[in-house]
Protein backbone atom coordinates (compact mmCIF):
# COMPACT_ATOMS: atom_id res chain seq x y z
CA UNK A 1 0.00 0.00 0.00
CA UNK A 2 1.39 3.39 -0.96
CA UNK A 3 1.79 5.99 1.70
CA UNK A 4 -0.23 9.10 0.77
CA UNK A 5 1.47 12.34 1.68
CA UNK A 6 -0.56 15.28 3.01
CA UNK A 7 0.71 17.58 0.27
CA UNK A 8 -0.60 15.29 -2.51
CA UNK A 9 -4.05 16.89 -2.30
CA UNK A 10 -2.81 20.51 -2.24
CA UNK A 11 -0.67 21.61 -5.17
CA UNK A 12 -0.21 25.35 -4.66
CA UNK A 13 -1.92 28.49 -3.40
CA UNK A 14 -3.53 30.74 -6.00
CA UNK A 15 -2.53 34.35 -5.43
CA UNK A 16 -4.51 36.71 -7.62
CA UNK A 17 -6.29 39.97 -7.02
CA UNK A 18 -9.59 38.15 -6.63
CA UNK A 19 -8.21 35.59 -4.16
CA UNK A 20 -6.52 38.37 -2.17
CA UNK A 21 -9.89 40.11 -1.81
CA UNK A 22 -11.39 36.83 -0.58
CA UNK A 23 -8.81 36.68 2.20
CA UNK A 24 -10.66 39.55 3.90
CA UNK A 25 -13.57 37.10 4.36
CA UNK A 26 -11.29 34.37 5.84
CA UNK A 27 -11.13 32.49 2.53
CA UNK A 28 -8.00 31.01 0.96
CA UNK A 29 -7.74 29.59 -2.59
CA UNK A 30 -5.62 26.52 -3.44
CA UNK A 31 -4.98 24.59 -6.63
CA UNK A 32 -5.79 20.91 -6.07
CA UNK A 33 -5.49 17.77 -8.25
CA UNK A 34 -8.50 16.64 -10.26
CA UNK A 35 -8.93 13.58 -8.02
CA UNK A 36 -9.34 15.66 -4.84
CA UNK A 37 -12.65 15.91 -3.03
CA UNK A 38 -13.93 18.19 -0.28
CA UNK A 39 -13.30 15.79 2.60
CA UNK A 40 -9.68 15.09 1.61
CA UNK A 41 -8.91 18.77 1.11
CA UNK A 42 -10.48 19.73 4.45
CA UNK A 43 -8.56 17.08 6.42
CA UNK A 44 -5.23 17.92 4.78
CA UNK A 45 -5.59 21.69 5.29
CA UNK A 46 -6.45 21.17 8.95
CA UNK A 47 -3.44 18.87 9.49
CA UNK A 48 -0.90 20.97 7.57
CA UNK A 49 -1.80 24.46 8.78
CA UNK A 50 -3.45 23.54 12.13
CA UNK A 51 -6.58 25.64 11.51
CA UNK A 52 -10.31 24.94 11.65
CA UNK A 53 -11.98 24.70 8.25
CA UNK A 54 -15.66 25.64 8.15
CA UNK A 55 -16.43 25.06 4.48
CA UNK A 56 -14.74 23.90 1.25
CA UNK A 57 -15.98 24.91 -2.21
CA UNK A 58 -14.43 23.22 -5.24
CA UNK A 59 -14.48 24.71 -8.74
CA UNK A 60 -13.44 22.99 -11.99
CA UNK A 61 -11.79 25.28 -14.52
CA UNK A 62 -12.22 23.68 -17.94
CA UNK A 63 -9.70 23.47 -20.78
CA UNK A 64 -9.95 26.35 -23.22
CA UNK A 65 -8.22 27.75 -26.27
CA UNK A 66 -6.73 31.21 -26.35
CA UNK A 67 -5.54 33.20 -29.34
CA UNK A 68 -2.16 34.87 -28.82
CA UNK A 69 -0.33 36.61 -31.67
CA UNK A 70 -2.62 34.95 -34.19
CA UNK A 71 -2.01 31.41 -32.92
CA UNK A 72 -4.33 29.16 -31.00
CA UNK A 73 -2.92 27.99 -27.69
CA UNK A 74 -4.47 25.36 -25.43
CA UNK A 75 -4.80 26.43 -21.81
CA UNK A 76 -5.09 23.45 -19.48
CA UNK A 77 -7.89 23.33 -16.98
CA UNK A 78 -7.47 22.71 -13.27
CA UNK A 79 -9.43 22.29 -10.07
CA UNK A 80 -9.35 24.88 -7.31
CA UNK A 81 -10.62 24.80 -3.76
CA UNK A 82 -11.85 27.82 -1.82
CA UNK A 83 -11.33 27.19 1.89
CA UNK A 84 -13.36 29.12 4.48
CA UNK A 85 -11.60 29.32 7.84
CA UNK A 86 -13.00 29.91 11.31
CA UNK A 87 -13.19 33.60 12.24
CA UNK A 88 -9.95 34.86 13.74
CA UNK A 89 -7.75 32.23 12.05
CA UNK A 90 -5.62 32.74 8.96
CA UNK A 91 -2.97 31.09 6.81
CA UNK A 92 0.11 33.15 5.97
CA UNK A 93 1.06 32.14 2.43
CA UNK A 94 4.15 34.36 2.32
CA UNK A 95 6.13 32.33 4.87
CA UNK A 96 6.00 29.04 2.97
CA UNK A 97 5.49 25.59 4.40
PDB file of N, CA and C in Angstrom:
ATOM      1  N   UNK A   1       0.842  -1.183   0.000  1.00  0.00           N
ATOM      2  CA  UNK A   1       0.000   0.000   0.000  1.00  0.00           C
ATOM      3  C   UNK A   1       0.885   1.242   0.000  1.00  0.00           C
ATOM      4  N   UNK A   2       0.593   2.172  -0.884  1.00  0.00           N
ATOM      5  CA  UNK A   2       1.387   3.387  -0.964  1.00  0.00           C
ATOM      6  C   UNK A   2       1.025   4.344   0.164  1.00  0.00           C
ATOM      7  N   UNK A   3       2.021   5.001   0.666  1.00  0.00           N
ATOM      8  CA  UNK A   3       1.787   5.988   1.698  1.00  0.00           C
ATOM      9  C   UNK A   3       1.400   7.311   1.018  1.00  0.00           C
ATOM     10  N   UNK A   4       0.248   7.853   1.367  1.00  0.00           N
ATOM     11  CA  UNK A   4      -0.230   9.099   0.768  1.00  0.00           C
ATOM     12  C   UNK A   4       0.260  10.263   1.621  1.00  0.00           C
ATOM     13  N   UNK A   5       0.933  11.183   0.994  1.00  0.00           N
ATOM     14  CA  UNK A   5       1.471  12.343   1.680  1.00  0.00           C
ATOM     15  C   UNK A   5       0.401  13.419   1.777  1.00  0.00           C
ATOM     16  N   UNK A   6       0.444  14.232   2.814  1.00  0.00           N
ATOM     17  CA  UNK A   6      -0.562  15.281   3.010  1.00  0.00           C
ATOM     18  C   UNK A   6      -0.567  16.291   1.874  1.00  0.00           C
ATOM     19  N   UNK A   7       0.608  16.548   1.305  1.00  0.00           N
ATOM     20  CA  UNK A   7       0.709  17.575   0.273  1.00  0.00           C
ATOM     21  C   UNK A   7       0.257  17.081  -1.105  1.00  0.00           C
ATOM     22  N   UNK A   8      -0.135  15.810  -1.221  1.00  0.00           N
ATOM     23  CA  UNK A   8      -0.598  15.294  -2.507  1.00  0.00           C
ATOM     24  C   UNK A   8      -1.929  15.904  -2.920  1.00  0.00           C
ATOM     25  N   UNK A   9      -2.731  16.339  -1.987  1.00  0.00           N
ATOM     26  CA  UNK A   9      -4.048  16.895  -2.296  1.00  0.00           C
ATOM     27  C   UNK A   9      -4.052  18.418  -2.367  1.00  0.00           C
ATOM     28  N   UNK A  10      -2.914  19.056  -2.138  1.00  0.00           N
ATOM     29  CA  UNK A  10      -2.813  20.510  -2.235  1.00  0.00           C
ATOM     30  C   UNK A  10      -1.579  20.828  -3.068  1.00  0.00           C
ATOM     31  N   UNK A  11      -1.801  21.364  -4.274  1.00  0.00           N
ATOM     32  CA  UNK A  11      -0.675  21.613  -5.170  1.00  0.00           C
ATOM     33  C   UNK A  11      -0.010  22.952  -4.904  1.00  0.00           C
ATOM     34  N   UNK A  12      -0.791  24.027  -4.874  1.00  0.00           N
ATOM     35  CA  UNK A  12      -0.205  25.350  -4.656  1.00  0.00           C
ATOM     36  C   UNK A  12      -1.303  26.338  -4.303  1.00  0.00           C
ATOM     37  N   UNK A  13      -0.940  27.419  -3.634  1.00  0.00           N
ATOM     38  CA  UNK A  13      -1.922  28.487  -3.403  1.00  0.00           C
ATOM     39  C   UNK A  13      -2.094  29.305  -4.679  1.00  0.00           C
ATOM     40  N   UNK A  14      -3.262  29.865  -4.869  1.00  0.00           N
ATOM     41  CA  UNK A  14      -3.525  30.736  -6.005  1.00  0.00           C
ATOM     42  C   UNK A  14      -3.567  32.161  -5.466  1.00  0.00           C
ATOM     43  N   UNK A  15      -2.611  32.973  -5.898  1.00  0.00           N
ATOM     44  CA  UNK A  15      -2.531  34.353  -5.428  1.00  0.00           C
ATOM     45  C   UNK A  15      -2.849  35.277  -6.592  1.00  0.00           C
ATOM     46  N   UNK A  16      -4.069  35.748  -6.617  1.00  0.00           N
ATOM     47  CA  UNK A  16      -4.508  36.710  -7.618  1.00  0.00           C
ATOM     48  C   UNK A  16      -5.195  37.854  -6.886  1.00  0.00           C
ATOM     49  N   UNK A  17      -5.599  38.852  -7.633  1.00  0.00           N
ATOM     50  CA  UNK A  17      -6.291  39.975  -7.015  1.00  0.00           C
ATOM     51  C   UNK A  17      -7.618  39.511  -6.407  1.00  0.00           C
ATOM     52  N   UNK A  18      -8.310  38.638  -7.114  1.00  0.00           N
ATOM     53  CA  UNK A  18      -9.594  38.147  -6.632  1.00  0.00           C
ATOM     54  C   UNK A  18      -9.424  37.296  -5.361  1.00  0.00           C
ATOM     55  N   UNK A  19      -8.415  36.429  -5.340  1.00  0.00           N
ATOM     56  CA  UNK A  19      -8.210  35.590  -4.162  1.00  0.00           C
ATOM     57  C   UNK A  19      -7.702  36.411  -2.978  1.00  0.00           C
ATOM     58  N   UNK A  20      -6.977  37.487  -3.248  1.00  0.00           N
ATOM     59  CA  UNK A  20      -6.525  38.367  -2.171  1.00  0.00           C
ATOM     60  C   UNK A  20      -7.711  39.082  -1.539  1.00  0.00           C
ATOM     61  N   UNK A  21      -8.679  39.488  -2.350  1.00  0.00           N
ATOM     62  CA  UNK A  21      -9.887  40.111  -1.808  1.00  0.00           C
ATOM     63  C   UNK A  21     -10.701  39.120  -0.990  1.00  0.00           C
ATOM     64  N   UNK A  22     -10.681  37.843  -1.356  1.00  0.00           N
ATOM     65  CA  UNK A  22     -11.389  36.829  -0.585  1.00  0.00           C
ATOM     66  C   UNK A  22     -10.766  36.603   0.785  1.00  0.00           C
ATOM     67  N   UNK A  23      -9.472  36.895   0.920  1.00  0.00           N
ATOM     68  CA  UNK A  23      -8.807  36.681   2.205  1.00  0.00           C
ATOM     69  C   UNK A  23      -9.364  37.592   3.295  1.00  0.00           C
ATOM     70  N   UNK A  24     -10.012  38.679   2.911  1.00  0.00           N
ATOM     71  CA  UNK A  24     -10.659  39.549   3.903  1.00  0.00           C
ATOM     72  C   UNK A  24     -11.860  38.853   4.540  1.00  0.00           C
ATOM     73  N   UNK A  25     -12.425  37.855   3.847  1.00  0.00           N
ATOM     74  CA  UNK A  25     -13.568  37.096   4.356  1.00  0.00           C
ATOM     75  C   UNK A  25     -13.139  35.744   4.925  1.00  0.00           C
ATOM     76  N   UNK A  26     -11.858  35.617   5.308  1.00  0.00           N
ATOM     77  CA  UNK A  26     -11.287  34.372   5.841  1.00  0.00           C
ATOM     78  C   UNK A  26     -11.356  33.228   4.834  1.00  0.00           C
ATOM     79  N   UNK A  27     -11.129  33.517   3.558  1.00  0.00           N
ATOM     80  CA  UNK A  27     -11.133  32.490   2.526  1.00  0.00           C
ATOM     81  C   UNK A  27      -9.771  32.448   1.848  1.00  0.00           C
ATOM     82  N   UNK A  28      -9.276  31.236   1.616  1.00  0.00           N
ATOM     83  CA  UNK A  28      -7.998  31.010   0.963  1.00  0.00           C
ATOM     84  C   UNK A  28      -8.249  30.110  -0.247  1.00  0.00           C
ATOM     85  N   UNK A  29      -7.536  30.361  -1.361  1.00  0.00           N
ATOM     86  CA  UNK A  29      -7.740  29.592  -2.589  1.00  0.00           C
ATOM     87  C   UNK A  29      -6.493  28.752  -2.872  1.00  0.00           C
ATOM     88  N   UNK A  30      -6.701  27.443  -3.128  1.00  0.00           N
ATOM     89  CA  UNK A  30      -5.620  26.521  -3.436  1.00  0.00           C
ATOM     90  C   UNK A  30      -5.918  25.787  -4.734  1.00  0.00           C
ATOM     91  N   UNK A  31      -4.865  25.448  -5.466  1.00  0.00           N
ATOM     92  CA  UNK A  31      -4.980  24.586  -6.631  1.00  0.00           C
ATOM     93  C   UNK A  31      -4.849  23.149  -6.130  1.00  0.00           C
ATOM     94  N   UNK A  32      -5.783  22.293  -6.545  1.00  0.00           N
ATOM     95  CA  UNK A  32      -5.788  20.912  -6.074  1.00  0.00           C
ATOM     96  C   UNK A  32      -5.842  19.970  -7.277  1.00  0.00           C
ATOM     97  N   UNK A  33      -5.429  18.715  -7.123  1.00  0.00           N
ATOM     98  CA  UNK A  33      -5.492  17.775  -8.254  1.00  0.00           C
ATOM     99  C   UNK A  33      -6.938  17.436  -8.605  1.00  0.00           C
ATOM    100  N   UNK A  34      -7.139  16.923  -9.794  1.00  0.00           N
ATOM    101  CA  UNK A  34      -8.495  16.638 -10.263  1.00  0.00           C
ATOM    102  C   UNK A  34      -9.153  15.499  -9.489  1.00  0.00           C
ATOM    103  N   UNK A  35      -8.367  14.697  -8.793  1.00  0.00           N
ATOM    104  CA  UNK A  35      -8.933  13.584  -8.019  1.00  0.00           C
ATOM    105  C   UNK A  35      -9.328  13.987  -6.601  1.00  0.00           C
ATOM    106  N   UNK A  36      -9.064  15.222  -6.214  1.00  0.00           N
ATOM    107  CA  UNK A  36      -9.340  15.663  -4.838  1.00  0.00           C
ATOM    108  C   UNK A  36     -10.831  15.868  -4.631  1.00  0.00           C
ATOM    109  N   UNK A  37     -11.276  15.610  -3.397  1.00  0.00           N
ATOM    110  CA  UNK A  37     -12.653  15.913  -3.029  1.00  0.00           C
ATOM    111  C   UNK A  37     -12.655  16.778  -1.773  1.00  0.00           C
ATOM    112  N   UNK A  38     -13.828  17.236  -1.378  1.00  0.00           N
ATOM    113  CA  UNK A  38     -13.933  18.194  -0.277  1.00  0.00           C
ATOM    114  C   UNK A  38     -13.410  17.628   1.042  1.00  0.00           C
ATOM    115  N   UNK A  39     -13.728  16.387   1.335  1.00  0.00           N
ATOM    116  CA  UNK A  39     -13.301  15.791   2.602  1.00  0.00           C
ATOM    117  C   UNK A  39     -11.782  15.679   2.692  1.00  0.00           C
ATOM    118  N   UNK A  40     -11.140  15.212   1.615  1.00  0.00           N
ATOM    119  CA  UNK A  40      -9.680  15.089   1.614  1.00  0.00           C
ATOM    120  C   UNK A  40      -9.014  16.443   1.777  1.00  0.00           C
ATOM    121  N   UNK A  41      -9.503  17.436   1.048  1.00  0.00           N
ATOM    122  CA  UNK A  41      -8.905  18.769   1.114  1.00  0.00           C
ATOM    123  C   UNK A  41      -9.065  19.346   2.516  1.00  0.00           C
ATOM    124  N   UNK A  42     -10.231  19.190   3.105  1.00  0.00           N
ATOM    125  CA  UNK A  42     -10.480  19.727   4.452  1.00  0.00           C
ATOM    126  C   UNK A  42      -9.539  19.094   5.483  1.00  0.00           C
ATOM    127  N   UNK A  43      -9.416  17.768   5.456  1.00  0.00           N
ATOM    128  CA  UNK A  43      -8.559  17.078   6.424  1.00  0.00           C
ATOM    129  C   UNK A  43      -7.096  17.485   6.257  1.00  0.00           C
ATOM    130  N   UNK A  44      -6.630  17.581   5.007  1.00  0.00           N
ATOM    131  CA  UNK A  44      -5.235  17.922   4.776  1.00  0.00           C
ATOM    132  C   UNK A  44      -4.923  19.359   5.176  1.00  0.00           C
ATOM    133  N   UNK A  45      -5.808  20.299   4.886  1.00  0.00           N
ATOM    134  CA  UNK A  45      -5.589  21.695   5.285  1.00  0.00           C
ATOM    135  C   UNK A  45      -5.535  21.805   6.800  1.00  0.00           C
ATOM    136  N   UNK A  46      -6.437  21.114   7.481  1.00  0.00           N
ATOM    137  CA  UNK A  46      -6.449  21.173   8.947  1.00  0.00           C
ATOM    138  C   UNK A  46      -5.175  20.579   9.542  1.00  0.00           C
ATOM    139  N   UNK A  47      -4.656  19.489   8.958  1.00  0.00           N
ATOM    140  CA  UNK A  47      -3.437  18.873   9.492  1.00  0.00           C
ATOM    141  C   UNK A  47      -2.194  19.699   9.184  1.00  0.00           C
ATOM    142  N   UNK A  48      -2.114  20.238   7.967  1.00  0.00           N
ATOM    143  CA  UNK A  48      -0.905  20.968   7.566  1.00  0.00           C
ATOM    144  C   UNK A  48      -0.784  22.304   8.291  1.00  0.00           C
ATOM    145  N   UNK A  49      -1.859  23.092   8.264  1.00  0.00           N
ATOM    146  CA  UNK A  49      -1.796  24.459   8.784  1.00  0.00           C
ATOM    147  C   UNK A  49      -2.330  24.606  10.202  1.00  0.00           C
ATOM    148  N   UNK A  50      -2.918  23.544  10.767  1.00  0.00           N
ATOM    149  CA  UNK A  50      -3.451  23.544  12.130  1.00  0.00           C
ATOM    150  C   UNK A  50      -4.481  24.671  12.323  1.00  0.00           C
ATOM    151  N   UNK A  51      -5.472  24.683  11.444  1.00  0.00           N
ATOM    152  CA  UNK A  51      -6.577  25.641  11.507  1.00  0.00           C
ATOM    153  C   UNK A  51      -7.891  24.873  11.440  1.00  0.00           C
ATOM    154  N   UNK A  52      -8.993  25.548  11.749  1.00  0.00           N
ATOM    155  CA  UNK A  52     -10.314  24.939  11.651  1.00  0.00           C
ATOM    156  C   UNK A  52     -10.974  25.382  10.357  1.00  0.00           C
ATOM    157  N   UNK A  53     -11.340  24.417   9.526  1.00  0.00           N
ATOM    158  CA  UNK A  53     -11.981  24.700   8.248  1.00  0.00           C
ATOM    159  C   UNK A  53     -13.486  24.588   8.428  1.00  0.00           C
ATOM    160  N   UNK A  54     -14.208  25.646   8.048  1.00  0.00           N
ATOM    161  CA  UNK A  54     -15.664  25.639   8.152  1.00  0.00           C
ATOM    162  C   UNK A  54     -16.287  25.040   6.896  1.00  0.00           C
ATOM    163  N   UNK A  55     -15.801  25.482   5.722  1.00  0.00           N
ATOM    164  CA  UNK A  55     -16.429  25.059   4.476  1.00  0.00           C
ATOM    165  C   UNK A  55     -15.387  24.966   3.375  1.00  0.00           C
ATOM    166  N   UNK A  56     -15.613  24.057   2.419  1.00  0.00           N
ATOM    167  CA  UNK A  56     -14.743  23.901   1.248  1.00  0.00           C
ATOM    168  C   UNK A  56     -15.622  23.951  -0.001  1.00  0.00           C
ATOM    169  N   UNK A  57     -15.314  24.859  -0.902  1.00  0.00           N
ATOM    170  CA  UNK A  57     -15.979  24.915  -2.206  1.00  0.00           C
ATOM    171  C   UNK A  57     -14.953  24.533  -3.263  1.00  0.00           C
ATOM    172  N   UNK A  58     -15.342  23.656  -4.185  1.00  0.00           N
ATOM    173  CA  UNK A  58     -14.434  23.216  -5.243  1.00  0.00           C
ATOM    174  C   UNK A  58     -14.990  23.650  -6.595  1.00  0.00           C
ATOM    175  N   UNK A  59     -14.104  24.217  -7.424  1.00  0.00           N
ATOM    176  CA  UNK A  59     -14.475  24.713  -8.744  1.00  0.00           C
ATOM    177  C   UNK A  59     -13.584  24.050  -9.785  1.00  0.00           C
ATOM    178  N   UNK A  60     -14.187  23.559 -10.866  1.00  0.00           N
ATOM    179  CA  UNK A  60     -13.439  22.989 -11.986  1.00  0.00           C
ATOM    180  C   UNK A  60     -13.284  24.045 -13.062  1.00  0.00           C
ATOM    181  N   UNK A  61     -12.059  24.390 -13.394  1.00  0.00           N
ATOM    182  CA  UNK A  61     -11.790  25.281 -14.521  1.00  0.00           C
ATOM    183  C   UNK A  61     -11.545  24.389 -15.727  1.00  0.00           C
ATOM    184  N   UNK A  62     -12.316  24.555 -16.785  1.00  0.00           N
ATOM    185  CA  UNK A  62     -12.221  23.682 -17.943  1.00  0.00           C
ATOM    186  C   UNK A  62     -11.087  24.101 -18.874  1.00  0.00           C
ATOM    187  N   UNK A  63     -10.675  23.163 -19.734  1.00  0.00           N
ATOM    188  CA  UNK A  63      -9.695  23.471 -20.779  1.00  0.00           C
ATOM    189  C   UNK A  63     -10.300  24.499 -21.727  1.00  0.00           C
ATOM    190  N   UNK A  64      -9.460  25.357 -22.272  1.00  0.00           N
ATOM    191  CA  UNK A  64      -9.955  26.349 -23.223  1.00  0.00           C
ATOM    192  C   UNK A  64      -8.842  26.686 -24.201  1.00  0.00           C
ATOM    193  N   UNK A  65      -9.212  27.291 -25.315  1.00  0.00           N
ATOM    194  CA  UNK A  65      -8.219  27.749 -26.272  1.00  0.00           C
ATOM    195  C   UNK A  65      -8.165  29.257 -26.232  1.00  0.00           C
ATOM    196  N   UNK A  66      -6.973  29.782 -26.442  1.00  0.00           N
ATOM    197  CA  UNK A  66      -6.726  31.207 -26.353  1.00  0.00           C
ATOM    198  C   UNK A  66      -5.933  31.604 -27.595  1.00  0.00           C
ATOM    199  N   UNK A  67      -6.254  32.747 -28.160  1.00  0.00           N
ATOM    200  CA  UNK A  67      -5.537  33.204 -29.340  1.00  0.00           C
ATOM    201  C   UNK A  67      -4.520  34.265 -28.913  1.00  0.00           C
ATOM    202  N   UNK A  68      -3.236  33.967 -29.143  1.00  0.00           N
ATOM    203  CA  UNK A  68      -2.159  34.875 -28.819  1.00  0.00           C
ATOM    204  C   UNK A  68      -1.285  35.046 -30.047  1.00  0.00           C
ATOM    205  N   UNK A  69      -1.130  36.286 -30.487  1.00  0.00           N
ATOM    206  CA  UNK A  69      -0.327  36.613 -31.668  1.00  0.00           C
ATOM    207  C   UNK A  69      -0.776  35.812 -32.900  1.00  0.00           C
ATOM    208  N   UNK A  70      -2.072  35.636 -33.026  1.00  0.00           N
ATOM    209  CA  UNK A  70      -2.616  34.953 -34.188  1.00  0.00           C
ATOM    210  C   UNK A  70      -2.557  33.441 -34.143  1.00  0.00           C
ATOM    211  N   UNK A  71      -2.106  32.869 -33.042  1.00  0.00           N
ATOM    212  CA  UNK A  71      -2.012  31.414 -32.915  1.00  0.00           C
ATOM    213  C   UNK A  71      -2.939  30.931 -31.810  1.00  0.00           C
ATOM    214  N   UNK A  72      -3.490  29.751 -32.021  1.00  0.00           N
ATOM    215  CA  UNK A  72      -4.327  29.155 -30.996  1.00  0.00           C
ATOM    216  C   UNK A  72      -3.446  28.399 -30.007  1.00  0.00           C
ATOM    217  N   UNK A  73      -3.675  28.645 -28.751  1.00  0.00           N
ATOM    218  CA  UNK A  73      -2.920  27.988 -27.686  1.00  0.00           C
ATOM    219  C   UNK A  73      -3.923  27.302 -26.762  1.00  0.00           C
ATOM    220  N   UNK A  74      -3.617  26.063 -26.374  1.00  0.00           N
ATOM    221  CA  UNK A  74      -4.472  25.355 -25.434  1.00  0.00           C
ATOM    222  C   UNK A  74      -4.057  25.723 -24.011  1.00  0.00           C
ATOM    223  N   UNK A  75      -5.025  26.130 -23.214  1.00  0.00           N
ATOM    224  CA  UNK A  75      -4.797  26.430 -21.806  1.00  0.00           C
ATOM    225  C   UNK A  75      -5.417  25.286 -21.018  1.00  0.00           C
ATOM    226  N   UNK A  76      -4.607  24.608 -20.227  1.00  0.00           N
ATOM    227  CA  UNK A  76      -5.088  23.452 -19.478  1.00  0.00           C
ATOM    228  C   UNK A  76      -6.002  23.888 -18.342  1.00  0.00           C
ATOM    229  N   UNK A  77      -6.995  23.084 -18.084  1.00  0.00           N
ATOM    230  CA  UNK A  77      -7.894  23.332 -16.976  1.00  0.00           C
ATOM    231  C   UNK A  77      -7.307  22.804 -15.677  1.00  0.00           C
ATOM    232  N   UNK A  78      -7.911  23.181 -14.577  1.00  0.00           N
ATOM    233  CA  UNK A  78      -7.471  22.708 -13.271  1.00  0.00           C
ATOM    234  C   UNK A  78      -8.634  22.783 -12.300  1.00  0.00           C
ATOM    235  N   UNK A  79      -8.425  22.270 -11.121  1.00  0.00           N
ATOM    236  CA  UNK A  79      -9.431  22.288 -10.074  1.00  0.00           C
ATOM    237  C   UNK A  79      -8.914  23.174  -8.954  1.00  0.00           C
ATOM    238  N   UNK A  80      -9.776  24.043  -8.432  1.00  0.00           N
ATOM    239  CA  UNK A  80      -9.347  24.882  -7.312  1.00  0.00           C
ATOM    240  C   UNK A  80     -10.333  24.763  -6.163  1.00  0.00           C
ATOM    241  N   UNK A  81      -9.816  24.913  -4.963  1.00  0.00           N
ATOM    242  CA  UNK A  81     -10.622  24.803  -3.757  1.00  0.00           C
ATOM    243  C   UNK A  81     -10.575  26.118  -3.005  1.00  0.00           C
ATOM    244  N   UNK A  82     -11.750  26.614  -2.632  1.00  0.00           N
ATOM    245  CA  UNK A  82     -11.847  27.823  -1.819  1.00  0.00           C
ATOM    246  C   UNK A  82     -12.163  27.368  -0.406  1.00  0.00           C
ATOM    247  N   UNK A  83     -11.243  27.650   0.510  1.00  0.00           N
ATOM    248  CA  UNK A  83     -11.329  27.189   1.891  1.00  0.00           C
ATOM    249  C   UNK A  83     -11.812  28.342   2.762  1.00  0.00           C
ATOM    250  N   UNK A  84     -12.883  28.120   3.531  1.00  0.00           N
ATOM    251  CA  UNK A  84     -13.362  29.120   4.479  1.00  0.00           C
ATOM    252  C   UNK A  84     -12.892  28.709   5.865  1.00  0.00           C
ATOM    253  N   UNK A  85     -12.150  29.605   6.519  1.00  0.00           N
ATOM    254  CA  UNK A  85     -11.595  29.322   7.842  1.00  0.00           C
ATOM    255  C   UNK A  85     -12.475  29.905   8.933  1.00  0.00           C
ATOM    256  N   UNK A  86     -12.290  29.389  10.155  1.00  0.00           N
ATOM    257  CA  UNK A  86     -12.996  29.906  11.314  1.00  0.00           C
ATOM    258  C   UNK A  86     -12.564  31.345  11.562  1.00  0.00           C
ATOM    259  N   UNK A  87     -13.480  32.176  12.025  1.00  0.00           N
ATOM    260  CA  UNK A  87     -13.194  33.598  12.238  1.00  0.00           C
ATOM    261  C   UNK A  87     -12.046  33.759  13.232  1.00  0.00           C
ATOM    262  N   UNK A  88     -11.103  34.609  12.883  1.00  0.00           N
ATOM    263  CA  UNK A  88      -9.951  34.858  13.736  1.00  0.00           C
ATOM    264  C   UNK A  88      -8.722  34.042  13.342  1.00  0.00           C
ATOM    265  N   UNK A  89      -8.876  33.033  12.493  1.00  0.00           N
ATOM    266  CA  UNK A  89      -7.748  32.229  12.052  1.00  0.00           C
ATOM    267  C   UNK A  89      -7.347  32.638  10.646  1.00  0.00           C
ATOM    268  N   UNK A  90      -6.081  32.446  10.318  1.00  0.00           N
ATOM    269  CA  UNK A  90      -5.620  32.741   8.960  1.00  0.00           C
ATOM    270  C   UNK A  90      -4.429  31.865   8.626  1.00  0.00           C
ATOM    271  N   UNK A  91      -4.127  31.818   7.324  1.00  0.00           N
ATOM    272  CA  UNK A  91      -2.967  31.087   6.807  1.00  0.00           C
ATOM    273  C   UNK A  91      -2.079  32.117   6.136  1.00  0.00           C
ATOM    274  N   UNK A  92      -0.821  32.207   6.574  1.00  0.00           N
ATOM    275  CA  UNK A  92       0.111  33.154   5.970  1.00  0.00           C
ATOM    276  C   UNK A  92       0.841  32.451   4.826  1.00  0.00           C
ATOM    277  N   UNK A  93       0.484  32.801   3.604  1.00  0.00           N
ATOM    278  CA  UNK A  93       1.057  32.145   2.432  1.00  0.00           C
ATOM    279  C   UNK A  93       2.452  32.664   2.101  1.00  0.00           C
ATOM    280  N   UNK A  94       2.853  33.789   2.661  1.00  0.00           N
ATOM    281  CA  UNK A  94       4.151  34.364   2.321  1.00  0.00           C
ATOM    282  C   UNK A  94       5.308  33.663   3.034  1.00  0.00           C
ATOM    283  N   UNK A  95       5.057  32.957   4.124  1.00  0.00           N
ATOM    284  CA  UNK A  95       6.131  32.329   4.874  1.00  0.00           C
ATOM    285  C   UNK A  95       6.554  31.003   4.282  1.00  0.00           C
ATOM    286  N   UNK A  96       5.673  30.356   3.508  1.00  0.00           N
ATOM    287  CA  UNK A  96       6.004  29.041   2.974  1.00  0.00           C
ATOM    288  C   UNK A  96       5.652  27.952   3.971  1.00  0.00           C
ATOM    289  N   UNK A  97       5.853  26.720   3.528  1.00  0.00           N
ATOM    290  CA  UNK A  97       5.487  25.590   4.400  1.00  0.00           C
ATOM    291  C   UNK A  97       6.731  24.888   4.862  1.00  0.00           C
TER     292      UNK A  97
END
